Amino acid sequence: MSGRRILAALAAGPSTPEQLVQLADGRLHASQEQLAEALAGQLHPVYRTVLELHLERLTVLDRQVERLEKELHAAQAAYQDTIRRLCAIPGVGLSAARQLLAELGPLADAFPSAGHLASWVGVCPGRKESAGVSTSDRSAKGNRAMRRVLTQMAWAAVRVKGSLFENLFRRWVPRLGPQQAIWATAHRLVRLIWKILHQGVEYTEFGPLLNPAAIERRKRRLIRELRKLGVSIDDSPLLA
């Protein structure tokens, strides 16, 4: 918003850097001195005209997006419960849930299994073989729009503290690397989305911070690792 205000002022006519700095939001990381230095200089009148035209086009696009969002909300009004269940998944926002509903349908009934959906989206490993020898495990291209949405959702999901996806990502990164770990997270998300849509279930968080069974399993694993290192520990309260 600060950028839009400053660009509009530049298109309107000559302005000093000090005047433009006052249009910036106070929460910007850049200081007023840094902004003034960046905004110093001359803008040719032709460039002001071009900038004004671009801003007008951006305003039109904003109005069109707002109108389409209203139409989408009205078209999906009957599926608000489905959208709510999708939004309960870590990393899934309202916009992503609406796109999932539009692409997959309220029941995902075009896909007989979660594996079929993962294959259609293109987030499952492929298997290219020649003479019985695997030459490539790269995923099929699938639906590129959905792949982008799933990748964004996966990155958002692994940043949710205490969630299952944060725990899985931390476990997968040392073995797979960040990119492959995100890909595995997206695959897990697709299977979960299919289950929620196809079976009409609610999402239940089983992250390590919320799942007592997972906490207990972690305690036992850590005790076993300590014993292998020769550390003596009285673990009877933990194993009770």
Protein backbone atom coordinates (compact mmCIF):
# COMPACT_ATOMS: atom_id res chain seq x y z
CA MET A 1 0.00 0.00 0.00
CA SER A 2 2.90 2.34 0.71
CA GLY A 3 4.29 1.63 -2.74
CA ARG A 4 0.94 2.29 -4.40
CA ARG A 5 0.61 5.65 -2.63
CA ILE A 6 4.14 6.70 -3.57
CA LEU A 7 3.71 5.62 -7.21
CA ALA A 8 0.42 7.51 -7.45
CA ALA A 9 2.10 10.64 -6.11
CA LEU A 10 4.95 10.24 -8.64
CA ALA A 11 2.44 9.88 -11.50
CA ALA A 12 0.45 12.92 -10.32
CA GLY A 13 3.33 15.34 -10.65
CA PRO A 14 6.72 16.43 -9.36
CA SER A 15 7.26 15.68 -5.68
CA THR A 16 10.25 16.00 -3.39
CA PRO A 17 11.67 12.90 -1.70
CA GLU A 18 10.66 14.34 1.67
CA GLN A 19 7.02 14.60 0.53
CA LEU A 20 7.04 11.05 -0.83
CA VAL A 21 8.54 9.65 2.38
CA GLN A 22 5.54 10.93 4.34
CA LEU A 23 3.29 8.61 2.30
CA ALA A 24 5.08 5.50 3.53
CA ASP A 25 3.76 3.37 6.36
CA GLY A 26 5.65 3.70 9.61
CA ARG A 27 6.04 -0.09 9.89
CA LEU A 28 8.35 -0.30 6.87
CA HIS A 29 11.79 -1.70 7.64
CA ALA A 30 13.50 1.02 5.61
CA SER A 31 14.26 4.25 7.44
CA GLN A 32 13.08 7.62 6.17
CA GLU A 33 16.64 8.46 5.13
CA GLN A 34 16.88 5.26 3.06
CA LEU A 35 13.51 5.94 1.41
CA ALA A 36 14.46 9.54 0.63
CA GLU A 37 17.72 8.36 -0.97
CA ALA A 38 15.86 5.76 -3.07
CA LEU A 39 13.25 8.30 -4.22
CA ALA A 40 15.71 11.04 -5.14
CA GLY A 41 15.99 11.83 -8.85
CA GLN A 42 14.00 13.12 -11.81
CA LEU A 43 11.11 11.40 -13.60
CA HIS A 44 10.52 12.36 -17.24
CA PRO A 45 6.90 13.42 -18.03
CA VAL A 46 6.58 10.56 -20.53
CA TYR A 47 7.42 8.08 -17.79
CA ARG A 48 4.85 9.72 -15.52
CA THR A 49 2.22 9.09 -18.19
CA VAL A 50 3.29 5.45 -18.56
CA LEU A 51 3.24 5.01 -14.78
CA GLU A 52 -0.25 6.54 -14.58
CA LEU A 53 -1.52 4.14 -17.27
CA HIS A 54 -0.09 1.14 -15.42
CA LEU A 55 -1.71 2.27 -12.17
CA GLU A 56 -5.07 2.67 -13.92
CA ARG A 57 -4.76 -0.86 -15.32
CA LEU A 58 -3.90 -2.16 -11.85
CA THR A 59 -6.98 -0.46 -10.41
CA VAL A 60 -9.17 -2.10 -13.06
CA LEU A 61 -7.64 -5.50 -12.31
CA ASP A 62 -8.27 -5.00 -8.58
CA ARG A 63 -11.96 -4.29 -9.27
CA GLN A 64 -12.24 -7.34 -11.53
CA VAL A 65 -10.60 -9.60 -8.94
CA GLU A 66 -12.97 -8.28 -6.27
CA ARG A 67 -15.97 -8.93 -8.51
CA LEU A 68 -14.80 -12.46 -9.31
CA GLU A 69 -14.23 -13.19 -5.61
CA LYS A 70 -17.83 -12.17 -4.88
CA GLU A 71 -19.08 -14.43 -7.68
CA LEU A 72 -16.93 -17.29 -6.39
CA HIS A 73 -18.22 -16.82 -2.86
CA ALA A 74 -21.83 -16.92 -4.10
CA ALA A 75 -21.16 -20.02 -6.26
CA GLN A 76 -19.57 -21.88 -3.33
CA ALA A 77 -22.04 -20.73 -0.68
CA ALA A 78 -23.51 -24.23 -0.40
CA TYR A 79 -20.10 -25.71 0.42
CA GLN A 80 -19.05 -23.54 3.35
CA ASP A 81 -18.72 -26.57 5.62
CA THR A 82 -16.35 -28.21 3.14
CA ILE A 83 -14.28 -25.02 2.94
CA ARG A 84 -14.19 -24.88 6.75
CA ARG A 85 -12.88 -28.46 6.96
CA LEU A 86 -10.20 -27.71 4.36
CA CYS A 87 -9.13 -24.54 6.17
CA ALA A 88 -8.56 -26.61 9.32
CA ILE A 89 -5.54 -28.22 7.61
CA PRO A 90 -2.27 -26.46 8.50
CA GLY A 91 -1.12 -24.30 5.60
CA VAL A 92 -4.52 -24.12 3.87
CA GLY A 93 -6.01 -20.63 3.74
CA LEU A 94 -9.39 -19.50 2.47
CA SER A 95 -8.15 -18.74 -1.04
CA ALA A 96 -6.41 -22.12 -1.34
CA ALA A 97 -9.47 -23.95 0.01
CA ARG A 98 -11.70 -22.28 -2.58
CA GLN A 99 -9.31 -23.22 -5.37
CA LEU A 100 -9.15 -26.82 -4.15
CA LEU A 101 -12.94 -26.97 -4.10
CA ALA A 102 -13.17 -25.52 -7.61
CA GLU A 103 -10.55 -27.88 -9.07
CA LEU A 104 -11.43 -31.12 -7.27
CA GLY A 105 -15.14 -30.77 -6.53
CA PRO A 106 -16.81 -30.96 -3.11
CA LEU A 107 -16.33 -34.75 -2.87
CA ALA A 108 -13.31 -35.31 -5.15
CA ASP A 109 -15.42 -38.13 -6.60
CA ALA A 110 -13.56 -38.00 -9.94
CA PHE A 111 -10.63 -39.67 -8.16
CA PRO A 112 -11.26 -43.20 -6.79
CA SER A 113 -8.28 -43.02 -4.44
CA ALA A 114 -5.80 -40.60 -2.93
CA GLY A 115 -3.12 -42.07 -5.16
CA HIS A 116 -5.13 -41.21 -8.28
CA LEU A 117 -5.46 -37.60 -7.08
CA ALA A 118 -1.73 -37.36 -6.29
CA SER A 119 -0.93 -38.70 -9.75
CA TRP A 120 -3.31 -36.23 -11.42
CA VAL A 121 -1.83 -33.28 -9.52
CA GLY A 122 1.70 -34.54 -10.21
CA VAL A 123 3.09 -34.79 -6.67
CA CYS A 124 3.92 -38.48 -6.59
CA PRO A 125 7.24 -39.97 -7.79
CA GLY A 126 7.22 -41.34 -11.30
CA ARG A 127 8.91 -44.52 -12.42
CA LYS A 128 10.64 -44.48 -15.79
CA GLU A 129 12.16 -47.84 -16.58
CA SER A 130 14.04 -49.31 -19.50
CA ALA A 131 14.92 -53.01 -19.64
CA GLY A 132 13.94 -53.32 -15.98
CA VAL A 133 16.29 -50.53 -14.89
CA SER A 134 14.87 -47.36 -13.31
CA THR A 135 16.23 -44.30 -15.12
CA SER A 136 14.13 -41.54 -13.53
CA ASP A 137 11.94 -41.08 -10.45
CA ARG A 138 10.83 -37.56 -11.36
CA SER A 139 7.18 -36.70 -10.86
CA ALA A 140 4.87 -36.35 -13.83
CA LYS A 141 3.98 -32.78 -14.79
CA GLY A 142 0.35 -33.20 -13.79
CA ASN A 143 -1.81 -30.15 -13.14
CA ARG A 144 0.70 -27.29 -12.91
CA ALA A 145 -1.70 -24.83 -11.29
CA MET A 146 -2.51 -27.30 -8.53
CA ARG A 147 1.18 -28.16 -8.11
CA ARG A 148 1.94 -24.50 -7.43
CA VAL A 149 -0.89 -24.26 -4.91
CA LEU A 150 0.21 -27.47 -3.17
CA THR A 151 3.81 -26.27 -2.97
CA GLN A 152 2.72 -22.99 -1.35
CA MET A 153 0.48 -24.89 1.05
CA ALA A 154 3.33 -27.26 1.94
CA TRP A 155 5.69 -24.40 2.79
CA ALA A 156 2.98 -22.79 4.93
CA ALA A 157 2.16 -26.09 6.65
CA VAL A 158 5.74 -26.84 7.75
CA ARG A 159 5.90 -23.41 9.40
CA VAL A 160 2.94 -24.14 11.70
CA LYS A 161 4.51 -24.75 15.09
CA GLY A 162 3.65 -28.08 16.70
CA SER A 163 1.90 -29.45 13.61
CA LEU A 164 2.34 -32.88 12.11
CA PHE A 165 3.80 -31.35 8.95
CA GLU A 166 6.46 -29.41 10.84
CA ASN A 167 7.51 -32.65 12.54
CA LEU A 168 7.57 -34.62 9.28
CA PHE A 169 9.54 -31.90 7.49
CA ARG A 170 12.19 -31.85 10.22
CA ARG A 171 12.52 -35.62 9.97
CA TRP A 172 12.71 -35.67 6.17
CA VAL A 173 15.12 -32.76 5.57
CA PRO A 174 18.33 -34.50 6.76
CA ARG A 175 17.65 -37.47 4.47
CA LEU A 176 15.94 -35.83 1.48
CA GLY A 177 16.97 -32.19 1.52
CA PRO A 178 14.57 -29.22 1.73
CA GLN A 179 13.15 -29.43 -1.80
CA GLN A 180 12.38 -33.15 -1.72
CA ALA A 181 11.06 -32.82 1.83
CA ILE A 182 8.61 -30.13 0.67
CA TRP A 183 7.61 -32.39 -2.22
CA ALA A 184 6.92 -35.23 0.23
CA THR A 185 4.90 -32.82 2.39
CA ALA A 186 2.82 -31.78 -0.64
CA HIS A 187 2.18 -35.46 -1.40
CA ARG A 188 1.01 -35.98 2.19
CA LEU A 189 -1.25 -32.93 1.92
CA VAL A 190 -2.87 -34.24 -1.28
CA ARG A 191 -3.73 -37.55 0.35
CA LEU A 192 -5.17 -35.75 3.38
CA ILE A 193 -7.22 -33.40 1.19
CA TRP A 194 -8.68 -36.36 -0.73
CA LYS A 195 -9.67 -38.04 2.54
CA ILE A 196 -11.35 -34.92 3.91
CA LEU A 197 -13.27 -34.32 0.68
CA HIS A 198 -14.09 -37.89 -0.30
CA GLN A 199 -14.94 -39.21 3.16
CA GLY A 200 -16.26 -36.00 4.71
CA VAL A 201 -14.06 -36.26 7.82
CA GLU A 202 -12.66 -33.52 10.03
CA TYR A 203 -8.96 -32.78 10.29
CA THR A 204 -7.40 -33.88 13.58
CA GLU A 205 -3.98 -32.60 14.52
CA PHE A 206 -1.54 -35.34 15.48
CA GLY A 207 1.51 -33.15 15.86
CA PRO A 208 4.12 -34.07 18.48
CA LEU A 209 3.09 -31.20 20.76
CA LEU A 210 -0.59 -32.17 20.77
CA ASN A 211 -0.57 -35.95 20.49
CA PRO A 212 0.16 -37.76 23.79
CA ALA A 213 0.89 -41.02 21.96
CA ALA A 214 3.53 -39.31 19.81
CA ILE A 215 5.11 -37.79 22.92
CA GLU A 216 5.26 -41.20 24.58
CA ARG A 217 6.84 -42.81 21.48
CA ARG A 218 9.46 -40.06 21.38
CA LYS A 219 10.29 -40.64 25.05
CA ARG A 220 10.80 -44.36 24.45
CA ARG A 221 12.98 -43.73 21.39
CA LEU A 222 15.17 -41.26 23.26
CA ILE A 223 15.55 -43.72 26.15
CA ARG A 224 16.66 -46.45 23.74
CA GLU A 225 19.20 -44.08 22.16
CA LEU A 226 20.58 -43.16 25.59
CA ARG A 227 20.96 -46.82 26.49
CA LYS A 228 22.89 -47.47 23.26
CA LEU A 229 25.26 -44.69 24.30
CA GLY A 230 25.78 -46.39 27.64
CA VAL A 231 23.91 -43.80 29.67
CA SER A 232 22.19 -45.21 32.76
CA ILE A 233 18.71 -43.82 33.22
CA ASP A 234 15.83 -44.72 35.50
CA ASP A 235 13.06 -44.74 32.91
CA SER A 236 10.40 -46.57 34.90
CA PRO A 237 8.17 -43.45 35.32
CA LEU A 238 8.32 -42.85 31.58
CA LEU A 239 7.45 -46.41 30.66
CA ALA A 240 4.68 -46.82 33.22
